[in-house]
Amino acid sequence: MLGYVAALKAVDEAVLTAIPSLERPVDLLGLVRSRETARSGRLGAYSYTVHGAGCRFLGDDGTEVDVDFAADGSEIFDLWRLRRYGLSLPEPVDVTDEELRSAVRSLRPPLREVRPDWFGVDR
């Protein structure tokens, strides 16, 4: 879980470095919706694809970080996104939903459950 949080932080830094005018990573969605930037492209060491309420980032090493954004702009993720991250690691990690749920709930703080099986990071 903490690996995903660290990867998410690295993605955030890459987004804000590549597009200095953004205040928060969620603002990338606004740029795409206003057609000021492409729905998919490259930001630093990551390729990205904006989808619905979030964005999927793929690192040069193949690591996948998929995140949605809540109405307040905070980053949220579910068990599926955590599993995809684990499976994309150089040494893949595959765990059950219950193992993921238990691990995430044991990390309060910095993680918090924002709705059933959806989590965010306290920063």
PDB file of N, CA and C in Angstrom:
ATOM      1  N   MET A   1       0.802  -1.186   0.000  1.00  0.00           N
ATOM      2  CA  MET A   1       0.000   0.000   0.000  1.00  0.00           C
ATOM      3  C   MET A   1       0.852   1.260   0.000  1.00  0.00           C
ATOM      4  N   LEU A   2       1.858   1.258   0.832  1.00  0.00           N
ATOM      5  CA  LEU A   2       2.704   2.453   0.901  1.00  0.00           C
ATOM      6  C   LEU A   2       3.488   2.644  -0.393  1.00  0.00           C
ATOM      7  N   GLY A   3       3.755   1.557  -1.115  1.00  0.00           N
ATOM      8  CA  GLY A   3       4.396   1.672  -2.422  1.00  0.00           C
ATOM      9  C   GLY A   3       3.506   2.429  -3.396  1.00  0.00           C
ATOM     10  N   TYR A   4       2.207   2.140  -3.369  1.00  0.00           N
ATOM     11  CA  TYR A   4       1.264   2.856  -4.225  1.00  0.00           C
ATOM     12  C   TYR A   4       1.238   4.332  -3.844  1.00  0.00           C
ATOM     13  N   VAL A   5       1.220   4.624  -2.558  1.00  0.00           N
ATOM     14  CA  VAL A   5       1.194   6.020  -2.088  1.00  0.00           C
ATOM     15  C   VAL A   5       2.444   6.757  -2.563  1.00  0.00           C
ATOM     16  N   ALA A   6       3.600   6.110  -2.468  1.00  0.00           N
ATOM     17  CA  ALA A   6       4.851   6.731  -2.937  1.00  0.00           C
ATOM     18  C   ALA A   6       4.809   6.939  -4.452  1.00  0.00           C
ATOM     19  N   ALA A   7       4.291   5.953  -5.180  1.00  0.00           N
ATOM     20  CA  ALA A   7       4.186   6.083  -6.632  1.00  0.00           C
ATOM     21  C   ALA A   7       3.218   7.197  -7.008  1.00  0.00           C
ATOM     22  N   LEU A   8       2.129   7.325  -6.265  1.00  0.00           N
ATOM     23  CA  LEU A   8       1.159   8.393  -6.514  1.00  0.00           C
ATOM     24  C   LEU A   8       1.799   9.763  -6.279  1.00  0.00           C
ATOM     25  N   LYS A   9       2.603   9.867  -5.248  1.00  0.00           N
ATOM     26  CA  LYS A   9       3.305  11.124  -4.980  1.00  0.00           C
ATOM     27  C   LYS A   9       4.274  11.455  -6.117  1.00  0.00           C
ATOM     28  N   ALA A  10       4.978  10.450  -6.628  1.00  0.00           N
ATOM     29  CA  ALA A  10       5.900  10.668  -7.742  1.00  0.00           C
ATOM     30  C   ALA A  10       5.145  11.118  -8.991  1.00  0.00           C
ATOM     31  N   VAL A  11       3.977  10.542  -9.242  1.00  0.00           N
ATOM     32  CA  VAL A  11       3.143  10.947 -10.370  1.00  0.00           C
ATOM     33  C   VAL A  11       2.711  12.401 -10.194  1.00  0.00           C
ATOM     34  N   ASP A  12       2.255  12.741  -8.988  1.00  0.00           N
ATOM     35  CA  ASP A  12       1.835  14.128  -8.708  1.00  0.00           C
ATOM     36  C   ASP A  12       2.965  15.104  -9.013  1.00  0.00           C
ATOM     37  N   GLU A  13       4.153  14.785  -8.564  1.00  0.00           N
ATOM     38  CA  GLU A  13       5.308  15.655  -8.800  1.00  0.00           C
ATOM     39  C   GLU A  13       5.604  15.785 -10.288  1.00  0.00           C
ATOM     40  N   ALA A  14       5.501  14.680 -11.024  1.00  0.00           N
ATOM     41  CA  ALA A  14       5.749  14.712 -12.471  1.00  0.00           C
ATOM     42  C   ALA A  14       4.727  15.588 -13.183  1.00  0.00           C
ATOM     43  N   VAL A  15       3.464  15.475 -12.794  1.00  0.00           N
ATOM     44  CA  VAL A  15       2.405  16.281 -13.410  1.00  0.00           C
ATOM     45  C   VAL A  15       2.645  17.760 -13.153  1.00  0.00           C
ATOM     46  N   LEU A  16       2.903  18.112 -11.900  1.00  0.00           N
ATOM     47  CA  LEU A  16       3.062  19.520 -11.539  1.00  0.00           C
ATOM     48  C   LEU A  16       4.356  20.115 -12.082  1.00  0.00           C
ATOM     49  N   THR A  17       5.373  19.290 -12.276  1.00  0.00           N
ATOM     50  CA  THR A  17       6.624  19.758 -12.880  1.00  0.00           C
ATOM     51  C   THR A  17       6.442  19.976 -14.377  1.00  0.00           C
ATOM     52  N   ALA A  18       5.743  19.056 -15.027  1.00  0.00           N
ATOM     53  CA  ALA A  18       5.555  19.136 -16.479  1.00  0.00           C
ATOM     54  C   ALA A  18       4.614  20.273 -16.878  1.00  0.00           C
ATOM     55  N   ILE A  19       3.637  20.566 -16.011  1.00  0.00           N
ATOM     56  CA  ILE A  19       2.677  21.635 -16.298  1.00  0.00           C
ATOM     57  C   ILE A  19       2.635  22.567 -15.085  1.00  0.00           C
ATOM     58  N   PRO A  20       3.602  23.473 -14.976  1.00  0.00           N
ATOM     59  CA  PRO A  20       3.725  24.325 -13.784  1.00  0.00           C
ATOM     60  C   PRO A  20       2.496  25.189 -13.487  1.00  0.00           C
ATOM     61  N   SER A  21       1.645  25.419 -14.473  1.00  0.00           N
ATOM     62  CA  SER A  21       0.463  26.245 -14.244  1.00  0.00           C
ATOM     63  C   SER A  21      -0.604  25.533 -13.415  1.00  0.00           C
ATOM     64  N   LEU A  22      -0.485  24.218 -13.266  1.00  0.00           N
ATOM     65  CA  LEU A  22      -1.471  23.475 -12.482  1.00  0.00           C
ATOM     66  C   LEU A  22      -1.222  23.654 -10.996  1.00  0.00           C
ATOM     67  N   GLU A  23      -2.299  23.814 -10.249  1.00  0.00           N
ATOM     68  CA  GLU A  23      -2.189  23.897  -8.787  1.00  0.00           C
ATOM     69  C   GLU A  23      -2.234  22.517  -8.151  1.00  0.00           C
ATOM     70  N   ARG A  24      -3.036  21.612  -8.764  1.00  0.00           N
ATOM     71  CA  ARG A  24      -3.215  20.255  -8.248  1.00  0.00           C
ATOM     72  C   ARG A  24      -3.316  19.296  -9.425  1.00  0.00           C
ATOM     73  N   PRO A  25      -2.978  18.036  -9.206  1.00  0.00           N
ATOM     74  CA  PRO A  25      -3.072  17.066 -10.298  1.00  0.00           C
ATOM     75  C   PRO A  25      -4.461  16.968 -10.923  1.00  0.00           C
ATOM     76  N   VAL A  26      -5.518  17.129 -10.144  1.00  0.00           N
ATOM     77  CA  VAL A  26      -6.873  17.063 -10.673  1.00  0.00           C
ATOM     78  C   VAL A  26      -7.099  18.089 -11.780  1.00  0.00           C
ATOM     79  N   ASP A  27      -6.351  19.164 -11.777  1.00  0.00           N
ATOM     80  CA  ASP A  27      -6.508  20.211 -12.784  1.00  0.00           C
ATOM     81  C   ASP A  27      -6.165  19.721 -14.188  1.00  0.00           C
ATOM     82  N   LEU A  28      -5.443  18.613 -14.293  1.00  0.00           N
ATOM     83  CA  LEU A  28      -5.157  18.013 -15.605  1.00  0.00           C
ATOM     84  C   LEU A  28      -6.463  17.641 -16.297  1.00  0.00           C
ATOM     85  N   LEU A  29      -7.450  17.156 -15.539  1.00  0.00           N
ATOM     86  CA  LEU A  29      -8.734  16.797 -16.124  1.00  0.00           C
ATOM     87  C   LEU A  29      -9.411  18.010 -16.749  1.00  0.00           C
ATOM     88  N   GLY A  30      -9.315  19.157 -16.093  1.00  0.00           N
ATOM     89  CA  GLY A  30      -9.896  20.379 -16.632  1.00  0.00           C
ATOM     90  C   GLY A  30      -9.254  20.786 -17.942  1.00  0.00           C
ATOM     91  N   LEU A  31      -7.927  20.625 -18.021  1.00  0.00           N
ATOM     92  CA  LEU A  31      -7.235  20.946 -19.268  1.00  0.00           C
ATOM     93  C   LEU A  31      -7.704  20.045 -20.406  1.00  0.00           C
ATOM     94  N   VAL A  32      -7.905  18.779 -20.102  1.00  0.00           N
ATOM     95  CA  VAL A  32      -8.368  17.836 -21.124  1.00  0.00           C
ATOM     96  C   VAL A  32      -9.801  18.166 -21.526  1.00  0.00           C
ATOM     97  N   ARG A  33     -10.655  18.421 -20.555  1.00  0.00           N
ATOM     98  CA  ARG A  33     -12.067  18.701 -20.863  1.00  0.00           C
ATOM     99  C   ARG A  33     -12.236  19.994 -21.654  1.00  0.00           C
ATOM    100  N   SER A  34     -11.352  20.958 -21.421  1.00  0.00           N
ATOM    101  CA  SER A  34     -11.418  22.214 -22.181  1.00  0.00           C
ATOM    102  C   SER A  34     -10.637  22.129 -23.492  1.00  0.00           C
ATOM    103  N   ARG A  35     -10.092  20.943 -23.757  1.00  0.00           N
ATOM    104  CA  ARG A  35      -9.326  20.659 -24.978  1.00  0.00           C
ATOM    105  C   ARG A  35      -8.041  21.490 -25.083  1.00  0.00           C
ATOM    106  N   GLU A  36      -7.511  21.893 -23.925  1.00  0.00           N
ATOM    107  CA  GLU A  36      -6.239  22.611 -23.908  1.00  0.00           C
ATOM    108  C   GLU A  36      -5.049  21.667 -23.942  1.00  0.00           C
ATOM    109  N   THR A  37      -5.312  20.396 -23.647  1.00  0.00           N
ATOM    110  CA  THR A  37      -4.272  19.369 -23.742  1.00  0.00           C
ATOM    111  C   THR A  37      -4.935  18.062 -24.163  1.00  0.00           C
ATOM    112  N   ALA A  38      -4.144  17.152 -24.649  1.00  0.00           N
ATOM    113  CA  ALA A  38      -4.653  15.878 -25.162  1.00  0.00           C
ATOM    114  C   ALA A  38      -5.112  14.952 -24.038  1.00  0.00           C
ATOM    115  N   ARG A  39      -6.048  14.069 -24.352  1.00  0.00           N
ATOM    116  CA  ARG A  39      -6.556  13.088 -23.384  1.00  0.00           C
ATOM    117  C   ARG A  39      -5.471  12.098 -22.967  1.00  0.00           C
ATOM    118  N   SER A  40      -4.490  11.907 -23.825  1.00  0.00           N
ATOM    119  CA  SER A  40      -3.369  11.040 -23.471  1.00  0.00           C
ATOM    120  C   SER A  40      -2.090  11.688 -23.986  1.00  0.00           C
ATOM    121  N   GLY A  41      -1.003  11.361 -23.318  1.00  0.00           N
ATOM    122  CA  GLY A  41       0.276  11.946 -23.696  1.00  0.00           C
ATOM    123  C   GLY A  41       1.360  11.523 -22.735  1.00  0.00           C
ATOM    124  N   ARG A  42       2.330  12.372 -22.585  1.00  0.00           N
ATOM    125  CA  ARG A  42       3.496  12.067 -21.755  1.00  0.00           C
ATOM    126  C   ARG A  42       3.786  13.245 -20.839  1.00  0.00           C
ATOM    127  N   LEU A  43       4.048  12.934 -19.574  1.00  0.00           N
ATOM    128  CA  LEU A  43       4.443  13.923 -18.572  1.00  0.00           C
ATOM    129  C   LEU A  43       5.655  13.370 -17.833  1.00  0.00           C
ATOM    130  N   GLY A  44       6.831  13.876 -18.146  1.00  0.00           N
ATOM    131  CA  GLY A  44       8.043  13.373 -17.516  1.00  0.00           C
ATOM    132  C   GLY A  44       8.239  11.902 -17.810  1.00  0.00           C
ATOM    133  N   ALA A  45       8.414  11.105 -16.773  1.00  0.00           N
ATOM    134  CA  ALA A  45       8.677   9.672 -16.924  1.00  0.00           C
ATOM    135  C   ALA A  45       7.394   8.848 -17.039  1.00  0.00           C
ATOM    136  N   TYR A  46       6.250   9.507 -17.257  1.00  0.00           N
ATOM    137  CA  TYR A  46       4.968   8.802 -17.280  1.00  0.00           C
ATOM    138  C   TYR A  46       4.188   9.113 -18.547  1.00  0.00           C
ATOM    139  N   SER A  47       3.563   8.098 -19.094  1.00  0.00           N
ATOM    140  CA  SER A  47       2.530   8.337 -20.094  1.00  0.00           C
ATOM    141  C   SER A  47       1.223   8.380 -19.301  1.00  0.00           C
ATOM    142  N   TYR A  48       0.256   9.103 -19.816  1.00  0.00           N
ATOM    143  CA  TYR A  48      -1.004   9.236 -19.096  1.00  0.00           C
ATOM    144  C   TYR A  48      -2.173   9.097 -20.059  1.00  0.00           C
ATOM    145  N   THR A  49      -3.294   8.679 -19.509  1.00  0.00           N
ATOM    146  CA  THR A  49      -4.559   8.643 -20.222  1.00  0.00           C
ATOM    147  C   THR A  49      -5.639   9.081 -19.239  1.00  0.00           C
ATOM    148  N   VAL A  50      -6.314  10.163 -19.569  1.00  0.00           N
ATOM    149  CA  VAL A  50      -7.413  10.643 -18.733  1.00  0.00           C
ATOM    150  C   VAL A  50      -8.646   9.817 -19.068  1.00  0.00           C
ATOM    151  N   HIS A  51      -9.369   9.407 -18.020  1.00  0.00           N
ATOM    152  CA  HIS A  51     -10.597   8.624 -18.184  1.00  0.00           C
ATOM    153  C   HIS A  51     -11.615   9.119 -17.174  1.00  0.00           C
ATOM    154  N   GLY A  52     -12.827   9.264 -17.581  1.00  0.00           N
ATOM    155  CA  GLY A  52     -13.904   9.603 -16.657  1.00  0.00           C
ATOM    156  C   GLY A  52     -13.496  10.582 -15.574  1.00  0.00           C
ATOM    157  N   ALA A  53     -13.442  10.091 -14.332  1.00  0.00           N
ATOM    158  CA  ALA A  53     -13.120  10.927 -13.180  1.00  0.00           C
ATOM    159  C   ALA A  53     -11.672  10.792 -12.744  1.00  0.00           C
ATOM    160  N   GLY A  54     -10.818  10.277 -13.614  1.00  0.00           N
ATOM    161  CA  GLY A  54      -9.442  10.059 -13.181  1.00  0.00           C
ATOM    162  C   GLY A  54      -8.452   9.965 -14.309  1.00  0.00           C
ATOM    163  N   CYS A  55      -7.318   9.361 -13.958  1.00  0.00           N
ATOM    164  CA  CYS A  55      -6.226   9.275 -14.905  1.00  0.00           C
ATOM    165  C   CYS A  55      -5.389   8.023 -14.602  1.00  0.00           C
ATOM    166  N   ARG A  56      -4.939   7.402 -15.669  1.00  0.00           N
ATOM    167  CA  ARG A  56      -4.046   6.241 -15.558  1.00  0.00           C
ATOM    168  C   ARG A  56      -2.663   6.693 -15.998  1.00  0.00           C
ATOM    169  N   PHE A  57      -1.683   6.447 -15.147  1.00  0.00           N
ATOM    170  CA  PHE A  57      -0.299   6.782 -15.436  1.00  0.00           C
ATOM    171  C   PHE A  57       0.492   5.490 -15.560  1.00  0.00           C
ATOM    172  N   LEU A  58       1.353   5.448 -16.555  1.00  0.00           N
ATOM    173  CA  LEU A  58       2.207   4.285 -16.764  1.00  0.00           C
ATOM    174  C   LEU A  58       3.646   4.767 -16.778  1.00  0.00           C
ATOM    175  N   GLY A  59       4.423   4.304 -15.793  1.00  0.00           N
ATOM    176  CA  GLY A  59       5.820   4.702 -15.686  1.00  0.00           C
ATOM    177  C   GLY A  59       6.685   4.015 -16.718  1.00  0.00           C
ATOM    178  N   ASP A  60       7.860   4.577 -16.950  1.00  0.00           N
ATOM    179  CA  ASP A  60       8.805   3.980 -17.891  1.00  0.00           C
ATOM    180  C   ASP A  60       9.148   2.541 -17.525  1.00  0.00           C
ATOM    181  N   ASP A  61       9.039   2.198 -16.248  1.00  0.00           N
ATOM    182  CA  ASP A  61       9.353   0.834 -15.800  1.00  0.00           C
ATOM    183  C   ASP A  61       8.142  -0.097 -15.881  1.00  0.00           C
ATOM    184  N   GLY A  62       6.993   0.408 -16.405  1.00  0.00           N
ATOM    185  CA  GLY A  62       5.791  -0.408 -16.537  1.00  0.00           C
ATOM    186  C   GLY A  62       4.851  -0.342 -15.357  1.00  0.00           C
ATOM    187  N   THR A  63       5.229   0.382 -14.313  1.00  0.00           N
ATOM    188  CA  THR A  63       4.380   0.496 -13.133  1.00  0.00           C
ATOM    189  C   THR A  63       3.160   1.353 -13.449  1.00  0.00           C
ATOM    190  N   GLU A  64       1.991   0.840 -13.103  1.00  0.00           N
ATOM    191  CA  GLU A  64       0.725   1.518 -13.374  1.00  0.00           C
ATOM    192  C   GLU A  64       0.169   2.150 -12.106  1.00  0.00           C
ATOM    193  N   VAL A  65      -0.159   3.431 -12.201  1.00  0.00           N
ATOM    194  CA  VAL A  65      -0.810   4.142 -11.100  1.00  0.00           C
ATOM    195  C   VAL A  65      -2.080   4.754 -11.677  1.00  0.00           C
ATOM    196  N   ASP A  66      -3.212   4.208 -11.278  1.00  0.00           N
ATOM    197  CA  ASP A  66      -4.508   4.706 -11.740  1.00  0.00           C
ATOM    198  C   ASP A  66      -5.181   5.359 -10.544  1.00  0.00           C
ATOM    199  N   VAL A  67      -5.727   6.541 -10.753  1.00  0.00           N
ATOM    200  CA  VAL A  67      -6.324   7.289  -9.658  1.00  0.00           C
ATOM    201  C   VAL A  67      -7.562   8.014 -10.165  1.00  0.00           C
ATOM    202  N   ASP A  68      -8.565   8.105  -9.320  1.00  0.00           N
ATOM    203  CA  ASP A  68      -9.732   8.931  -9.594  1.00  0.00           C
ATOM    204  C   ASP A  68      -9.642  10.162  -8.713  1.00  0.00           C
ATOM    205  N   PHE A  69     -10.469  11.138  -9.036  1.00  0.00           N
ATOM    206  CA  PHE A  69     -10.498  12.360  -8.249  1.00  0.00           C
ATOM    207  C   PHE A  69     -11.910  12.559  -7.704  1.00  0.00           C
ATOM    208  N   ALA A  70     -12.004  12.846  -6.412  1.00  0.00           N
ATOM    209  CA  ALA A  70     -13.292  13.113  -5.781  1.00  0.00           C
ATOM    210  C   ALA A  70     -13.760  14.511  -6.178  1.00  0.00           C
ATOM    211  N   ALA A  71     -15.000  14.844  -5.826  1.00  0.00           N
ATOM    212  CA  ALA A  71     -15.569  16.148  -6.166  1.00  0.00           C
ATOM    213  C   ALA A  71     -14.731  17.304  -5.629  1.00  0.00           C
ATOM    214  N   ASP A  72     -14.049  17.085  -4.498  1.00  0.00           N
ATOM    215  CA  ASP A  72     -13.210  18.149  -3.920  1.00  0.00           C
ATOM    216  C   ASP A  72     -11.801  18.177  -4.510  1.00  0.00           C
ATOM    217  N   GLY A  73     -11.542  17.306  -5.484  1.00  0.00           N
ATOM    218  CA  GLY A  73     -10.237  17.267  -6.141  1.00  0.00           C
ATOM    219  C   GLY A  73      -9.233  16.339  -5.493  1.00  0.00           C
ATOM    220  N   SER A  74      -9.590  15.731  -4.376  1.00  0.00           N
ATOM    221  CA  SER A  74      -8.658  14.817  -3.712  1.00  0.00           C
ATOM    222  C   SER A  74      -8.551  13.522  -4.503  1.00  0.00           C
ATOM    223  N   GLU A  75      -7.417  12.881  -4.370  1.00  0.00           N
ATOM    224  CA  GLU A  75      -7.148  11.631  -5.079  1.00  0.00           C
ATOM    225  C   GLU A  75      -7.725  10.460  -4.295  1.00  0.00           C
ATOM    226  N   ILE A  76      -8.448   9.588  -5.009  1.00  0.00           N
ATOM    227  CA  ILE A  76      -9.026   8.412  -4.380  1.00  0.00           C
ATOM    228  C   ILE A  76      -8.748   7.192  -5.256  1.00  0.00           C
ATOM    229  N   PHE A  77      -8.751   6.034  -4.623  1.00  0.00           N
ATOM    230  CA  PHE A  77      -8.459   4.789  -5.331  1.00  0.00           C
ATOM    231  C   PHE A  77      -9.184   3.652  -4.646  1.00  0.00           C
ATOM    232  N   ASP A  78      -9.419   2.619  -5.409  1.00  0.00           N
ATOM    233  CA  ASP A  78     -10.129   1.461  -4.881  1.00  0.00           C
ATOM    234  C   ASP A  78      -9.226   0.235  -4.907  1.00  0.00           C
ATOM    235  N   LEU A  79      -9.785  -0.887  -4.491  1.00  0.00           N
ATOM    236  CA  LEU A  79      -8.997  -2.119  -4.424  1.00  0.00           C
ATOM    237  C   LEU A  79      -8.526  -2.560  -5.807  1.00  0.00           C
ATOM    238  N   TRP A  80      -9.355  -2.348  -6.827  1.00  0.00           N
ATOM    239  CA  TRP A  80      -8.971  -2.725  -8.184  1.00  0.00           C
ATOM    240  C   TRP A  80      -7.717  -1.978  -8.616  1.00  0.00           C
ATOM    241  N   ARG A  81      -7.657  -0.675  -8.338  1.00  0.00           N
ATOM    242  CA  ARG A  81      -6.493   0.126  -8.708  1.00  0.00           C
ATOM    243  C   ARG A  81      -5.248  -0.314  -7.933  1.00  0.00           C
ATOM    244  N   LEU A  82      -5.419  -0.658  -6.679  1.00  0.00           N
ATOM    245  CA  LEU A  82      -4.289  -1.159  -5.889  1.00  0.00           C
ATOM    246  C   LEU A  82      -3.781  -2.486  -6.452  1.00  0.00           C
ATOM    247  N   ARG A  83      -4.703  -3.353  -6.838  1.00  0.00           N
ATOM    248  CA  ARG A  83      -4.307  -4.642  -7.410  1.00  0.00           C
ATOM    249  C   ARG A  83      -3.566  -4.437  -8.721  1.00  0.00           C
ATOM    250  N   ARG A  84      -4.074  -3.558  -9.584  1.00  0.00           N
ATOM    251  CA  ARG A  84      -3.407  -3.278 -10.861  1.00  0.00           C
ATOM    252  C   ARG A  84      -1.992  -2.758 -10.622  1.00  0.00           C
ATOM    253  N   TYR A  85      -1.824  -1.897  -9.630  1.00  0.00           N
ATOM    254  CA  TYR A  85      -0.500  -1.397  -9.281  1.00  0.00           C
ATOM    255  C   TYR A  85       0.404  -2.568  -8.890  1.00  0.00           C
ATOM    256  N   GLY A  86      -0.066  -3.406  -7.974  1.00  0.00           N
ATOM    257  CA  GLY A  86       0.728  -4.544  -7.516  1.00  0.00           C
ATOM    258  C   GLY A  86       1.133  -5.484  -8.644  1.00  0.00           C
ATOM    259  N   LEU A  87       0.215  -5.730  -9.558  1.00  0.00           N
ATOM    260  CA  LEU A  87       0.518  -6.625 -10.674  1.00  0.00           C
ATOM    261  C   LEU A  87       1.467  -6.005 -11.688  1.00  0.00           C
ATOM    262  N   SER A  88       1.570  -4.675 -11.693  1.00  0.00           N
ATOM    263  CA  SER A  88       2.445  -4.000 -12.659  1.00  0.00           C
ATOM    264  C   SER A  88       3.879  -3.831 -12.163  1.00  0.00           C
ATOM    265  N   LEU A  89       4.121  -4.161 -10.919  1.00  0.00           N
ATOM    266  CA  LEU A  89       5.466  -4.005 -10.359  1.00  0.00           C
ATOM    267  C   LEU A  89       6.459  -4.945 -11.044  1.00  0.00           C
ATOM    268  N   PRO A  90       7.745  -4.593 -11.047  1.00  0.00           N
ATOM    269  CA  PRO A  90       8.757  -5.476 -11.643  1.00  0.00           C
ATOM    270  C   PRO A  90       8.693  -6.907 -11.081  1.00  0.00           C
ATOM    271  N   GLU A  91       8.402  -7.017  -9.796  1.00  0.00           N
ATOM    272  CA  GLU A  91       8.131  -8.316  -9.180  1.00  0.00           C
ATOM    273  C   GLU A  91       6.675  -8.278  -8.737  1.00  0.00           C
ATOM    274  N   PRO A  92       5.754  -8.731  -9.600  1.00  0.00           N
ATOM    275  CA  PRO A  92       4.320  -8.571  -9.345  1.00  0.00           C
ATOM    276  C   PRO A  92       3.877  -9.150  -8.004  1.00  0.00           C
ATOM    277  N   VAL A  93       2.905  -8.445  -7.419  1.00  0.00           N
ATOM    278  CA  VAL A  93       2.301  -8.870  -6.163  1.00  0.00           C
ATOM    279  C   VAL A  93       0.811  -9.034  -6.421  1.00  0.00           C
ATOM    280  N   ASP A  94       0.291 -10.231  -6.170  1.00  0.00           N
ATOM    281  CA  ASP A  94      -1.129 -10.498  -6.373  1.00  0.00           C
ATOM    282  C   ASP A  94      -1.734 -10.922  -5.050  1.00  0.00           C
ATOM    283  N   VAL A  95      -2.702 -10.166  -4.579  1.00  0.00           N
ATOM    284  CA  VAL A  95      -3.355 -10.466  -3.307  1.00  0.00           C
ATOM    285  C   VAL A  95      -4.868 -10.396  -3.493  1.00  0.00           C
ATOM    286  N   THR A  96      -5.590 -10.962  -2.552  1.00  0.00           N
ATOM    287  CA  THR A  96      -7.048 -10.968  -2.612  1.00  0.00           C
ATOM    288  C   THR A  96      -7.605  -9.615  -2.170  1.00  0.00           C
ATOM    289  N   ASP A  97      -8.883  -9.402  -2.473  1.00  0.00           N
ATOM    290  CA  ASP A  97      -9.548  -8.180  -2.009  1.00  0.00           C
ATOM    291  C   ASP A  97      -9.473  -8.070  -0.494  1.00  0.00           C
ATOM    292  N   GLU A  98      -9.698  -9.176   0.183  1.00  0.00           N
ATOM    293  CA  GLU A  98      -9.695  -9.130   1.652  1.00  0.00           C
ATOM    294  C   GLU A  98      -8.315  -8.775   2.199  1.00  0.00           C
ATOM    295  N   GLU A  99      -7.259  -9.315   1.588  1.00  0.00           N
ATOM    296  CA  GLU A  99      -5.901  -8.965   2.018  1.00  0.00           C
ATOM    297  C   GLU A  99      -5.627  -7.476   1.773  1.00  0.00           C
ATOM    298  N   LEU A 100      -6.052  -6.979   0.620  1.00  0.00           N
ATOM    299  CA  LEU A 100      -5.883  -5.546   0.324  1.00  0.00           C
ATOM    300  C   LEU A 100      -6.667  -4.691   1.314  1.00  0.00           C
ATOM    301  N   ARG A 101      -7.930  -5.039   1.511  1.00  0.00           N
ATOM    302  CA  ARG A 101      -8.796  -4.282   2.415  1.00  0.00           C
ATOM    303  C   ARG A 101      -8.187  -4.235   3.815  1.00  0.00           C
ATOM    304  N   SER A 102      -7.722  -5.360   4.291  1.00  0.00           N
ATOM    305  CA  SER A 102      -7.120  -5.436   5.622  1.00  0.00           C
ATOM    306  C   SER A 102      -5.851  -4.586   5.701  1.00  0.00           C
ATOM    307  N   ALA A 103      -5.017  -4.667   4.667  1.00  0.00           N
ATOM    308  CA  ALA A 103      -3.768  -3.894   4.655  1.00  0.00           C
ATOM    309  C   ALA A 103      -4.045  -2.399   4.644  1.00  0.00           C
ATOM    310  N   VAL A 104      -4.996  -1.977   3.817  1.00  0.00           N
ATOM    311  CA  VAL A 104      -5.308  -0.548   3.737  1.00  0.00           C
ATOM    312  C   VAL A 104      -5.882  -0.059   5.053  1.00  0.00           C
ATOM    313  N   ARG A 105      -6.777  -0.817   5.618  1.00  0.00           N
ATOM    314  CA  ARG A 105      -7.407  -0.386   6.875  1.00  0.00           C
ATOM    315  C   ARG A 105      -6.410  -0.362   8.027  1.00  0.00           C
ATOM    316  N   SER A 106      -5.338  -1.135   7.929  1.00  0.00           N
ATOM    317  CA  SER A 106      -4.324  -1.124   8.992  1.00  0.00           C
ATOM    318  C   SER A 106      -3.415   0.106   8.883  1.00  0.00           C
ATOM    319  N   LEU A 107      -3.510   0.828   7.785  1.00  0.00           N
ATOM    320  CA  LEU A 107      -2.654   1.998   7.553  1.00  0.00           C
ATOM    321  C   LEU A 107      -3.422   3.307   7.747  1.00  0.00           C
ATOM    322  N   ARG A 108      -4.263   3.352   8.754  1.00  0.00           N
ATOM    323  CA  ARG A 108      -4.982   4.590   9.070  1.00  0.00           C
ATOM    324  C   ARG A 108      -4.296   5.261  10.221  1.00  0.00           C
ATOM    325  N   PRO A 109      -3.901   6.484  10.159  1.00  0.00           N
ATOM    326  CA  PRO A 109      -3.494   7.191   8.955  1.00  0.00           C
ATOM    327  C   PRO A 109      -2.199   6.591   8.402  1.00  0.00           C
ATOM    328  N   PRO A 110      -1.763   6.910   7.241  1.00  0.00           N
ATOM    329  CA  PRO A 110      -2.132   8.044   6.399  1.00  0.00           C
ATOM    330  C   PRO A 110      -3.294   7.777   5.456  1.00  0.00           C
ATOM    331  N   LEU A 111      -3.776   6.523   5.371  1.00  0.00           N
ATOM    332  CA  LEU A 111      -4.884   6.255   4.472  1.00  0.00           C
ATOM    333  C   LEU A 111      -6.207   6.394   5.208  1.00  0.00           C
ATOM    334  N   ARG A 112      -7.240   6.768   4.454  1.00  0.00           N
ATOM    335  CA  ARG A 112      -8.571   6.866   5.036  1.00  0.00           C
ATOM    336  C   ARG A 112      -9.576   6.282   4.045  1.00  0.00           C
ATOM    337  N   GLU A 113     -10.611   5.689   4.557  1.00  0.00           N
ATOM    338  CA  GLU A 113     -11.659   5.143   3.699  1.00  0.00           C
ATOM    339  C   GLU A 113     -12.679   6.247   3.460  1.00  0.00           C
ATOM    340  N   VAL A 114     -12.858   6.635   2.196  1.00  0.00           N
ATOM    341  CA  VAL A 114     -13.758   7.745   1.878  1.00  0.00           C
ATOM    342  C   VAL A 114     -15.176   7.271   1.580  1.00  0.00           C
ATOM    343  N   ARG A 115     -15.298   6.035   1.174  1.00  0.00           N
ATOM    344  CA  ARG A 115     -16.565   5.327   1.013  1.00  0.00           C
ATOM    345  C   ARG A 115     -16.181   3.854   0.956  1.00  0.00           C
ATOM    346  N   PRO A 116     -17.138   2.949   1.049  1.00  0.00           N
ATOM    347  CA  PRO A 116     -16.756   1.534   1.110  1.00  0.00           C
ATOM    348  C   PRO A 116     -15.789   1.118  -0.009  1.00  0.00           C
ATOM    349  N   ASP A 117     -14.633   0.639   0.417  1.00  0.00           N
ATOM    350  CA  ASP A 117     -13.559   0.129  -0.454  1.00  0.00           C
ATOM    351  C   ASP A 117     -12.936   1.179  -1.376  1.00  0.00           C
ATOM    352  N   TRP A 118     -13.124   2.441  -1.081  1.00  0.00           N
ATOM    353  CA  TRP A 118     -12.448   3.554  -1.760  1.00  0.00           C
ATOM    354  C   TRP A 118     -11.655   4.307  -0.721  1.00  0.00           C
ATOM    355  N   PHE A 119     -10.415   4.662  -1.079  1.00  0.00           N
ATOM    356  CA  PHE A 119      -9.488   5.214  -0.100  1.00  0.00           C
ATOM    357  C   PHE A 119      -8.821   6.476  -0.612  1.00  0.00           C
ATOM    358  N   GLY A 120      -8.348   7.270   0.315  1.00  0.00           N
ATOM    359  CA  GLY A 120      -7.603   8.477  -0.004  1.00  0.00           C
ATOM    360  C   GLY A 120      -6.398   8.555   0.925  1.00  0.00           C
ATOM    361  N   VAL A 121      -5.531   9.510   0.645  1.00  0.00           N
ATOM    362  CA  VAL A 121      -4.309   9.692   1.429  1.00  0.00           C
ATOM    363  C   VAL A 121      -4.408  11.001   2.185  1.00  0.00           C
ATOM    364  N   ASP A 122      -4.174  10.945   3.501  1.00  0.00           N
ATOM    365  CA  ASP A 122      -4.075  12.176   4.295  1.00  0.00           C
ATOM    366  C   ASP A 122      -2.719  12.788   4.023  1.00  0.00           C
ATOM    367  N   ARG A 123      -2.701  14.024   3.628  1.00  0.00           N
ATOM    368  CA  ARG A 123      -1.421  14.683   3.342  1.00  0.00           C
ATOM    369  C   ARG A 123      -1.249  15.879   4.226  1.00  0.00           C
TER     370      ARG A 123
END
